[in-house]
Amino acid sequence: MSTTHNHHFGNISRLMEESRETLAFGEECNPLHRLRLLCLSRGATGIIGLSRAFRSMDDDGSKMLNFEEFSRGIRDYGLNCSREEIHAIFKKIDTDGSGSINMTEFYVALRPPLNGNRLDVIRKAFNKMDQTGDGVITIADLRSIYSVKEHPMYQSGQLTEDEILTRFLHTFEGGQGNYDDKVTWEEFLNYYSAISASIDCDEYFDLMMKNAYRL
C-alpha cells in the first residue's frame, strides 16, 4: 500500500508548487483555468474538495446550482476568486443561459484534460480496485486484493488492517474530514487527473500507474 503512495508524493508536491507559482507569477489566464490552478495548489484532492463543498448545498440531489449557490461554494471552500471571476466561470459553464449549471459538467470542465491513453490506464486501475464491479471502491474491495502484513504500522501494532485500508481510501476523498470510506469513479478520476497534470511524459504516467496497481 505504501508503494502506491510513494509513487505519487513527489508528483503531488510538484503539482502544488507549480500551480502556486503559475498563480503568483504566471501570465493572465481565463477564470476557469485560474480556479483549476487554485484547486490544484491544494494538491491532488483539491478538485474533489470543491465538489464536496458544492454537494453539501445540493439539498434536493438535483446536481444543479444557481449562481448564488455556486458562488457560496467557492467562497466556503476558501478559494480566492472575485465575484466577477466567479460570474465569468458560471457564465462559461451555463451555456444555455438557464441560470443554473450541472455540477457534473462543471467538474468535467474543471479537471485537467486527459488523453485517451491516460484515461484508459486510470480506468483499468479503478476496475482492478473495484472488485465487486459496483462502481465504488470500499474497504471490502481492498481487503480482497491487498495484504497489509508488510506495512510497518501494521507490524508494529499501531494500526489495524482496516485502519490502514481506510487511510488509503481517504487519499482520494478530498480531506476536510468529509469521509464516507467509499471512492467513486469520479473521485478516482479527479485525483489522477490532477496527478496527470504534473507529469509531461505519457510513458512515465503509464509506467507509474502500472507499477502502482500491478496492471
Protein backbone atom coordinates (compact mmCIF):
# COMPACT_ATOMS: atom_id res chain seq x y z
CA MET A 1 0.00 0.00 0.00
CA SER A 2 2.83 2.40 0.87
CA THR A 3 4.41 1.66 -2.53
CA THR A 4 1.41 3.17 -4.28
CA HIS A 5 1.68 6.30 -2.15
CA ASN A 6 5.40 6.68 -2.75
CA HIS A 7 4.85 6.84 -6.49
CA HIS A 8 2.64 9.90 -6.02
CA PHE A 9 4.01 12.08 -3.21
CA GLY A 10 6.74 13.73 -5.28
CA ASN A 11 4.33 14.45 -8.13
CA ILE A 12 1.73 15.94 -5.76
CA SER A 13 4.30 18.28 -4.19
CA ARG A 14 5.47 19.40 -7.62
CA LEU A 15 1.89 19.88 -8.76
CA MET A 16 1.11 22.14 -5.79
CA GLU A 17 4.30 24.16 -6.21
CA GLU A 18 3.85 24.67 -9.96
CA SER A 19 0.22 25.70 -9.53
CA ARG A 20 1.14 28.26 -6.87
CA GLU A 21 3.98 29.65 -8.99
CA THR A 22 1.72 29.99 -12.02
CA LEU A 23 -0.86 31.84 -9.94
CA ALA A 24 1.76 34.14 -8.43
CA PHE A 25 3.97 34.85 -11.43
CA GLY A 26 2.28 33.43 -14.48
CA GLU A 27 0.54 35.26 -17.25
CA GLU A 28 -3.12 36.16 -17.06
CA CYS A 29 -5.34 33.13 -17.57
CA ASN A 30 -9.04 32.66 -18.06
CA PRO A 31 -11.11 32.43 -14.85
CA LEU A 32 -11.89 28.72 -15.21
CA HIS A 33 -8.20 27.86 -15.57
CA ARG A 34 -7.41 30.11 -12.58
CA LEU A 35 -9.97 28.22 -10.50
CA ARG A 36 -8.40 24.94 -11.61
CA LEU A 37 -4.97 26.17 -10.51
CA LEU A 38 -6.36 27.29 -7.15
CA CYS A 39 -7.74 23.79 -6.62
CA LEU A 40 -4.53 22.09 -7.77
CA SER A 41 -2.48 24.29 -5.45
CA ARG A 42 -4.18 22.35 -2.64
CA GLY A 43 -2.97 19.04 -4.04
CA ALA A 44 -4.47 16.18 -5.99
CA THR A 45 -7.70 16.22 -3.98
CA GLY A 46 -8.34 19.95 -4.37
CA ILE A 47 -10.99 19.49 -7.06
CA ILE A 48 -12.64 16.72 -5.04
CA GLY A 49 -12.81 19.00 -2.01
CA LEU A 50 -14.54 21.67 -4.06
CA SER A 51 -17.02 19.13 -5.40
CA ARG A 52 -17.87 18.14 -1.83
CA ALA A 53 -18.46 21.78 -0.92
CA PHE A 54 -20.94 22.02 -3.78
CA ARG A 55 -22.65 18.75 -2.94
CA SER A 56 -23.31 19.91 0.61
CA MET A 57 -25.55 22.63 -0.87
CA ASP A 58 -27.39 20.32 -3.23
CA ASP A 59 -30.16 19.50 -0.79
CA ASP A 60 -32.59 18.14 -3.37
CA GLY A 61 -29.98 15.99 -5.11
CA SER A 62 -30.63 17.71 -8.44
CA LYS A 63 -26.90 18.21 -9.16
CA MET A 64 -27.77 21.75 -10.29
CA LEU A 65 -26.53 25.01 -8.77
CA ASN A 66 -27.67 28.58 -9.31
CA PHE A 67 -25.15 31.42 -9.25
CA GLU A 68 -25.53 32.23 -5.54
CA GLU A 69 -25.04 28.58 -4.54
CA PHE A 70 -22.07 28.30 -6.86
CA SER A 71 -20.51 31.50 -5.53
CA ARG A 72 -21.05 30.47 -1.91
CA GLY A 73 -19.49 27.05 -2.55
CA ILE A 74 -16.30 28.59 -3.91
CA ARG A 75 -16.09 31.06 -1.01
CA ASP A 76 -16.81 28.39 1.62
CA TYR A 77 -14.01 26.26 0.19
CA GLY A 78 -11.69 29.22 0.72
CA LEU A 79 -10.72 29.88 -2.90
CA ASN A 80 -9.64 33.43 -3.61
CA CYS A 81 -11.81 34.43 -6.57
CA SER A 82 -13.51 37.77 -7.12
CA ARG A 83 -17.26 37.87 -7.73
CA GLU A 84 -16.50 38.93 -11.31
CA GLU A 85 -14.29 35.88 -11.84
CA ILE A 86 -16.91 33.58 -10.34
CA HIS A 87 -19.56 35.10 -12.59
CA ALA A 88 -17.34 34.59 -15.65
CA ILE A 89 -16.80 30.93 -14.73
CA PHE A 90 -20.50 30.40 -14.12
CA LYS A 91 -21.42 32.05 -17.42
CA LYS A 92 -18.90 29.90 -19.29
CA ILE A 93 -20.45 26.69 -17.91
CA ASP A 94 -24.06 27.89 -18.19
CA THR A 95 -24.00 27.74 -21.98
CA ASP A 96 -27.79 27.72 -22.36
CA GLY A 97 -28.23 30.77 -20.11
CA SER A 98 -30.70 28.96 -17.86
CA GLY A 99 -29.30 30.44 -14.65
CA SER A 100 -28.17 27.07 -13.28
CA ILE A 101 -25.33 24.70 -14.05
CA ASN A 102 -24.98 20.95 -13.99
CA MET A 103 -22.32 20.03 -11.43
CA THR A 104 -21.09 17.06 -13.44
CA GLU A 105 -20.44 19.32 -16.44
CA PHE A 106 -18.61 21.72 -14.19
CA TYR A 107 -16.28 19.01 -12.84
CA VAL A 108 -15.55 17.84 -16.38
CA ALA A 109 -14.63 21.42 -17.35
CA LEU A 110 -12.52 21.91 -14.22
CA ARG A 111 -10.50 18.69 -14.43
CA PRO A 112 -7.13 18.96 -16.21
CA PRO A 113 -7.53 17.35 -19.65
CA LEU A 114 -6.54 13.71 -20.16
CA ASN A 115 -5.67 11.96 -23.39
CA GLY A 116 -7.19 8.60 -24.24
CA ASN A 117 -4.20 6.52 -23.16
CA ARG A 118 -4.03 8.07 -19.70
CA LEU A 119 -7.78 7.79 -19.23
CA ASP A 120 -7.60 4.12 -20.22
CA VAL A 121 -4.93 3.20 -17.67
CA ILE A 122 -6.79 5.10 -14.92
CA ARG A 123 -9.95 3.17 -15.77
CA LYS A 124 -8.03 -0.14 -15.65
CA ALA A 125 -6.66 0.73 -12.21
CA PHE A 126 -10.13 1.63 -10.92
CA ASN A 127 -11.66 -1.55 -12.31
CA LYS A 128 -8.98 -3.63 -10.62
CA MET A 129 -9.69 -1.95 -7.28
CA ASP A 130 -13.47 -2.20 -7.67
CA GLN A 131 -13.62 -5.95 -7.11
CA THR A 132 -17.42 -6.09 -6.88
CA GLY A 133 -17.94 -4.04 -10.06
CA ASP A 134 -20.48 -1.77 -8.35
CA GLY A 135 -18.70 1.47 -9.30
CA VAL A 136 -17.39 2.16 -5.77
CA ILE A 137 -14.12 1.15 -4.08
CA THR A 138 -14.61 0.08 -0.45
CA ILE A 139 -12.55 -1.50 2.31
CA ALA A 140 -14.05 -4.85 1.35
CA ASP A 141 -12.71 -4.43 -2.20
CA LEU A 142 -9.24 -3.55 -0.93
CA ARG A 143 -9.14 -6.37 1.58
CA SER A 144 -9.53 -8.90 -1.21
CA ILE A 145 -6.60 -7.63 -3.27
CA TYR A 146 -4.12 -6.05 -0.82
CA SER A 147 -2.17 -7.52 2.07
CA VAL A 148 -1.04 -5.06 4.74
CA LYS A 149 1.15 -7.57 6.56
CA GLU A 150 4.34 -5.87 5.31
CA HIS A 151 3.12 -2.39 6.31
CA PRO A 152 5.38 -1.03 9.12
CA MET A 153 2.46 0.36 11.12
CA TYR A 154 0.65 -2.98 10.92
CA GLN A 155 3.74 -4.88 12.01
CA SER A 156 4.27 -2.52 14.96
CA GLY A 157 0.64 -2.83 16.03
CA GLN A 158 -0.02 0.89 15.62
CA LEU A 159 -2.76 0.35 13.04
CA THR A 160 -5.13 -2.46 12.23
CA GLU A 161 -5.71 -3.78 8.72
CA ASP A 162 -8.96 -1.83 8.37
CA GLU A 163 -7.35 1.38 9.64
CA ILE A 164 -4.58 1.13 7.02
CA LEU A 165 -7.05 0.40 4.23
CA THR A 166 -9.28 3.26 5.40
CA ARG A 167 -6.34 5.68 5.26
CA PHE A 168 -5.71 4.58 1.70
CA LEU A 169 -9.32 5.33 0.73
CA HIS A 170 -9.10 8.75 2.37
CA THR A 171 -6.27 9.61 -0.04
CA PHE A 172 -8.89 10.03 -2.77
CA GLU A 173 -11.70 11.61 -0.77
CA GLY A 174 -10.76 15.27 -0.62
CA GLY A 175 -9.88 15.73 3.03
CA GLN A 176 -11.55 18.14 5.46
CA GLY A 177 -12.95 15.19 7.43
CA ASN A 178 -15.77 14.57 4.94
CA TYR A 179 -15.07 10.88 4.57
CA ASP A 180 -17.55 8.16 3.69
CA ASP A 181 -14.91 5.43 3.17
CA LYS A 182 -16.05 4.95 -0.42
CA VAL A 183 -14.24 6.09 -3.55
CA THR A 184 -16.34 6.69 -6.64
CA TRP A 185 -15.07 6.68 -10.22
CA GLU A 186 -15.43 10.48 -10.27
CA GLU A 187 -13.22 10.88 -7.18
CA PHE A 188 -10.63 8.44 -8.52
CA LEU A 189 -10.59 10.19 -11.89
CA ASN A 190 -10.35 13.66 -10.35
CA TYR A 191 -7.41 12.54 -8.23
CA TYR A 192 -5.43 11.09 -11.12
CA SER A 193 -6.36 13.94 -13.46
CA ALA A 194 -4.56 16.19 -11.01
CA ILE A 195 -1.56 13.84 -10.78
CA SER A 196 -1.51 13.67 -14.58
CA ALA A 197 -1.25 17.46 -14.80
CA SER A 198 2.18 17.29 -13.14
CA ILE A 199 3.58 14.61 -15.50
CA ASP A 200 4.54 15.62 -19.03
CA CYS A 201 5.59 12.19 -20.29
CA ASP A 202 2.81 9.76 -21.25
CA GLU A 203 5.16 6.80 -20.92
CA TYR A 204 6.11 7.74 -17.36
CA PHE A 205 2.47 8.21 -16.33
CA ASP A 206 1.58 4.84 -17.83
CA LEU A 207 4.51 3.12 -16.10
CA MET A 208 3.71 4.79 -12.78
CA MET A 209 0.10 3.57 -12.86
CA LYS A 210 1.01 0.05 -13.96
CA ASN A 211 3.66 -0.27 -11.25
CA ALA A 212 1.44 1.19 -8.56
CA TYR A 213 -1.52 -1.06 -9.33
CA ARG A 214 0.34 -4.03 -10.82
CA LEU A 215 -1.61 -3.80 -14.06
